Each structure stands twice: as C-alpha cells, then as structure tokens.
Amino acid sequence: MSGGYCYGEPEPKEACPYCGAECDADFVDVGVGYTQCGPYHCEKCGASEIGPYDERRTLSDGERRTGWYAPGREPGSSANVIGGKVVGHHEALGAYQSEFTGNPLYEVPGYVDEWWAKQRSVG
C-alpha cells in the first residue's frame, strides 16, 4: 500500500496493472492528513492490491511483479470483501452494523468470524 495524502490534495488514484482502469482505495483521516487503510482495487476487472499484512499465499509471477492479486483471484485477507468483491469501509461497516445491532448472536463465540467468512465468499 502506498501511503496517503495531505488535506487539500486530491485523493490518490492508481492505474490497474491488468486493465489500466482508474482504481480507488480506502483512506482514513489521521489528524494531519489521510493514510491508506485498504487496498487499491479495480471495479472493472476485479484485481486488488496485495496488502503488507495479508495472510501469505502462493502468488503468480504476474502478482509478484505487479504487487496486485490478478483478476479472478480472491482479494487479500486485509481487504473488506462482500460477495467476493472489495468494498469500501463504509459499506463493510454498514453490513456489520445491520447484522449485529441488537443481535444477541454477537456474544456467541466464533459467530462473528463465521459471519465475516460468509460475507467474503461468492454466492
């Protein structure tokens, strides 16, 4: 992940290394500007940036070269994912709050982790 930007600057964009489309990432305000808190991801082809804290897995030569997971590959473990697609933190938080606000299952050991795993999966 690349870093951040200062107040008054435009939010950085990255070109997808696979299809060239303009890509966004999540950024968070840290008091002196914004820092990247989620991977860049391509809405067009589905590629996503490999995060520094993603669980290790076997990468293709292209993934090692670009620093991005290829289209069709599962996004990294550090990404907010719903239905196999990387989503922004607002959408992920909304899904979480919708499921767990007032839900007593929140207290059941393992339930939240299982729910997140289901959210990440396709179909």
C-alpha atoms as a PDB file:
ATOM      1  CA  MET A   1       0.000   0.000   0.000  1.00  0.00           C
ATOM      2  CA  SER A   2       1.334   3.356  -0.988  1.00  0.00           C
ATOM      3  CA  GLY A   3       0.747   5.857   1.784  1.00  0.00           C
ATOM      4  CA  GLY A   4      -1.603   8.809   1.918  1.00  0.00           C
ATOM      5  CA  TYR A   5      -2.181  12.437   1.132  1.00  0.00           C
ATOM      6  CA  CYS A   6      -2.478  15.808   2.851  1.00  0.00           C
ATOM      7  CA  TYR A   7      -5.508  17.971   3.469  1.00  0.00           C
ATOM      8  CA  GLY A   8      -6.447  19.926   0.365  1.00  0.00           C
ATOM      9  CA  GLU A   9      -4.837  17.431  -2.004  1.00  0.00           C
ATOM     10  CA  PRO A  10      -6.936  15.190  -4.237  1.00  0.00           C
ATOM     11  CA  GLU A  11      -7.343  11.569  -3.180  1.00  0.00           C
ATOM     12  CA  PRO A  12      -4.718   9.480  -4.985  1.00  0.00           C
ATOM     13  CA  LYS A  13      -5.756   7.035  -7.681  1.00  0.00           C
ATOM     14  CA  GLU A  14      -3.813   4.090  -9.117  1.00  0.00           C
ATOM     15  CA  ALA A  15      -3.996   2.552 -12.550  1.00  0.00           C
ATOM     16  CA  CYS A  16      -4.868  -1.140 -12.562  1.00  0.00           C
ATOM     17  CA  PRO A  17      -1.786  -3.060 -13.695  1.00  0.00           C
ATOM     18  CA  TYR A  18      -4.005  -5.572 -15.510  1.00  0.00           C
ATOM     19  CA  CYS A  19      -6.566  -3.462 -17.400  1.00  0.00           C
ATOM     20  CA  GLY A  20      -5.438   0.152 -16.876  1.00  0.00           C
ATOM     21  CA  ALA A  21      -8.705   1.335 -15.246  1.00  0.00           C
ATOM     22  CA  GLU A  22      -8.542   4.007 -12.520  1.00  0.00           C
ATOM     23  CA  CYS A  23      -8.664   2.421  -9.054  1.00  0.00           C
ATOM     24  CA  ASP A  24      -9.613   3.675  -5.590  1.00  0.00           C
ATOM     25  CA  ALA A  25      -8.588   2.692  -2.068  1.00  0.00           C
ATOM     26  CA  ASP A  26      -9.928   3.497   1.396  1.00  0.00           C
ATOM     27  CA  PHE A  27      -8.194   6.306   3.288  1.00  0.00           C
ATOM     28  CA  VAL A  28      -8.660   7.405   6.905  1.00  0.00           C
ATOM     29  CA  ASP A  29      -8.137  10.832   8.466  1.00  0.00           C
ATOM     30  CA  VAL A  30      -5.232  10.658  10.937  1.00  0.00           C
ATOM     31  CA  GLY A  31      -5.282  14.281  12.075  1.00  0.00           C
ATOM     32  CA  VAL A  32      -2.616  15.652   9.738  1.00  0.00           C
ATOM     33  CA  GLY A  33      -3.947  14.174   6.517  1.00  0.00           C
ATOM     34  CA  TYR A  34      -5.098  10.818   5.263  1.00  0.00           C
ATOM     35  CA  THR A  35      -3.410   7.424   5.253  1.00  0.00           C
ATOM     36  CA  GLN A  36      -4.316   4.434   3.147  1.00  0.00           C
ATOM     37  CA  CYS A  37      -6.196   1.803   5.142  1.00  0.00           C
ATOM     38  CA  GLY A  38      -7.407  -0.543   2.415  1.00  0.00           C
ATOM     39  CA  PRO A  39      -6.053  -1.910  -0.841  1.00  0.00           C
ATOM     40  CA  TYR A  40      -6.497  -0.262  -4.214  1.00  0.00           C
ATOM     41  CA  HIS A  41      -8.983  -2.342  -6.169  1.00  0.00           C
ATOM     42  CA  CYS A  42     -10.280  -2.386  -9.712  1.00  0.00           C
ATOM     43  CA  GLU A  43     -14.031  -2.213 -10.222  1.00  0.00           C
ATOM     44  CA  LYS A  44     -13.575  -3.138 -13.893  1.00  0.00           C
ATOM     45  CA  CYS A  45     -11.583  -6.409 -13.754  1.00  0.00           C
ATOM     46  CA  GLY A  46     -11.563  -7.278 -10.026  1.00  0.00           C
ATOM     47  CA  ALA A  47      -7.810  -7.076  -9.389  1.00  0.00           C
ATOM     48  CA  SER A  48      -6.717  -5.818  -5.965  1.00  0.00           C
ATOM     49  CA  GLU A  49      -3.519  -4.589  -4.370  1.00  0.00           C
ATOM     50  CA  ILE A  50      -1.606  -7.028  -2.171  1.00  0.00           C
ATOM     51  CA  GLY A  51      -1.586  -5.674   1.380  1.00  0.00           C
ATOM     52  CA  PRO A  52       1.502  -5.775   3.597  1.00  0.00           C
ATOM     53  CA  TYR A  53      -0.410  -7.668   6.300  1.00  0.00           C
ATOM     54  CA  ASP A  54      -2.320 -10.098   4.074  1.00  0.00           C
ATOM     55  CA  GLU A  55      -2.060 -13.746   5.025  1.00  0.00           C
ATOM     56  CA  ARG A  56       0.727 -15.295   2.949  1.00  0.00           C
ATOM     57  CA  ARG A  57      -0.242 -17.375  -0.072  1.00  0.00           C
ATOM     58  CA  THR A  58       1.218 -18.570  -3.335  1.00  0.00           C
ATOM     59  CA  LEU A  59       1.446 -15.787  -5.911  1.00  0.00           C
ATOM     60  CA  SER A  60       1.760 -15.986  -9.673  1.00  0.00           C
ATOM     61  CA  ASP A  61       4.745 -14.395 -11.403  1.00  0.00           C
ATOM     62  CA  GLY A  62       2.467 -11.547 -12.529  1.00  0.00           C
ATOM     63  CA  GLU A  63       1.203 -10.969  -8.993  1.00  0.00           C
ATOM     64  CA  ARG A  64       4.746 -10.833  -7.614  1.00  0.00           C
ATOM     65  CA  ARG A  65       5.751  -8.431 -10.397  1.00  0.00           C
ATOM     66  CA  THR A  66       2.748  -6.067 -10.051  1.00  0.00           C
ATOM     67  CA  GLY A  67       2.063  -6.296  -6.301  1.00  0.00           C
ATOM     68  CA  TRP A  68      -1.607  -6.930  -7.128  1.00  0.00           C
ATOM     69  CA  TYR A  69      -3.761 -10.074  -6.995  1.00  0.00           C
ATOM     70  CA  ALA A  70      -4.843 -10.977 -10.521  1.00  0.00           C
ATOM     71  CA  PRO A  71      -8.442 -10.629 -11.732  1.00  0.00           C
ATOM     72  CA  GLY A  72     -10.495 -13.594 -10.590  1.00  0.00           C
ATOM     73  CA  ARG A  73      -8.256 -14.296  -7.592  1.00  0.00           C
ATOM     74  CA  GLU A  74      -9.519 -13.927  -4.029  1.00  0.00           C
ATOM     75  CA  PRO A  75      -8.760 -10.485  -2.560  1.00  0.00           C
ATOM     76  CA  GLY A  76      -6.279 -10.299   0.311  1.00  0.00           C
ATOM     77  CA  SER A  77      -7.213 -11.008   3.905  1.00  0.00           C
ATOM     78  CA  SER A  78      -6.811  -7.320   4.838  1.00  0.00           C
ATOM     79  CA  ALA A  79      -9.474  -6.150   2.354  1.00  0.00           C
ATOM     80  CA  ASN A  80     -13.120  -5.507   3.199  1.00  0.00           C
ATOM     81  CA  VAL A  81     -14.896  -8.041   0.986  1.00  0.00           C
ATOM     82  CA  ILE A  82     -18.587  -8.746   0.407  1.00  0.00           C
ATOM     83  CA  GLY A  83     -19.595 -11.403  -2.091  1.00  0.00           C
ATOM     84  CA  GLY A  84     -16.054 -11.771  -3.393  1.00  0.00           C
ATOM     85  CA  LYS A  85     -15.675  -8.055  -4.246  1.00  0.00           C
ATOM     86  CA  VAL A  86     -13.562  -5.499  -2.393  1.00  0.00           C
ATOM     87  CA  VAL A  87     -15.821  -2.832  -0.873  1.00  0.00           C
ATOM     88  CA  GLY A  88     -15.157   0.400   0.982  1.00  0.00           C
ATOM     89  CA  HIS A  89     -15.116   0.619   4.738  1.00  0.00           C
ATOM     90  CA  HIS A  90     -18.484   2.411   4.829  1.00  0.00           C
ATOM     91  CA  GLU A  91     -20.215  -0.472   3.024  1.00  0.00           C
ATOM     92  CA  ALA A  92     -18.473  -3.080   5.203  1.00  0.00           C
ATOM     93  CA  LEU A  93     -19.387  -1.202   8.386  1.00  0.00           C
ATOM     94  CA  GLY A  94     -22.997  -0.879   7.225  1.00  0.00           C
ATOM     95  CA  ALA A  95     -23.251  -4.635   6.636  1.00  0.00           C
ATOM     96  CA  TYR A  96     -21.697  -5.339  10.042  1.00  0.00           C
ATOM     97  CA  GLN A  97     -24.000  -2.924  11.867  1.00  0.00           C
ATOM     98  CA  SER A  98     -27.046  -4.222  10.018  1.00  0.00           C
ATOM     99  CA  GLU A  99     -26.263  -7.766  11.122  1.00  0.00           C
ATOM    100  CA  PHE A 100     -25.167  -7.155  14.711  1.00  0.00           C
ATOM    101  CA  THR A 101     -27.010  -4.120  16.085  1.00  0.00           C
ATOM    102  CA  GLY A 102     -29.202  -5.659  18.792  1.00  0.00           C
ATOM    103  CA  ASN A 103     -28.265  -9.199  17.707  1.00  0.00           C
ATOM    104  CA  PRO A 104     -27.542 -11.445  20.731  1.00  0.00           C
ATOM    105  CA  LEU A 105     -25.601 -13.847  18.472  1.00  0.00           C
ATOM    106  CA  TYR A 106     -22.763 -11.315  18.627  1.00  0.00           C
ATOM    107  CA  GLU A 107     -21.875 -12.832  22.003  1.00  0.00           C
ATOM    108  CA  VAL A 108     -21.693 -16.413  20.689  1.00  0.00           C
ATOM    109  CA  PRO A 109     -18.020 -17.420  20.352  1.00  0.00           C
ATOM    110  CA  GLY A 110     -16.994 -17.703  16.713  1.00  0.00           C
ATOM    111  CA  TYR A 111     -20.262 -16.360  15.282  1.00  0.00           C
ATOM    112  CA  VAL A 112     -18.839 -13.028  14.110  1.00  0.00           C
ATOM    113  CA  ASP A 113     -15.841 -14.720  12.456  1.00  0.00           C
ATOM    114  CA  GLU A 114     -18.148 -17.186  10.688  1.00  0.00           C
ATOM    115  CA  TRP A 115     -20.375 -14.328   9.527  1.00  0.00           C
ATOM    116  CA  TRP A 116     -17.370 -12.411   8.104  1.00  0.00           C
ATOM    117  CA  ALA A 117     -16.207 -15.554   6.278  1.00  0.00           C
ATOM    118  CA  LYS A 118     -19.665 -15.938   4.714  1.00  0.00           C
ATOM    119  CA  GLN A 119     -19.685 -12.247   3.740  1.00  0.00           C
ATOM    120  CA  ARG A 120     -16.360 -12.653   1.917  1.00  0.00           C
ATOM    121  CA  SER A 121     -17.445 -15.680  -0.102  1.00  0.00           C
ATOM    122  CA  VAL A 122     -19.024 -15.565  -3.539  1.00  0.00           C
ATOM    123  CA  GLY A 123     -22.625 -16.791  -3.576  1.00  0.00           C
END
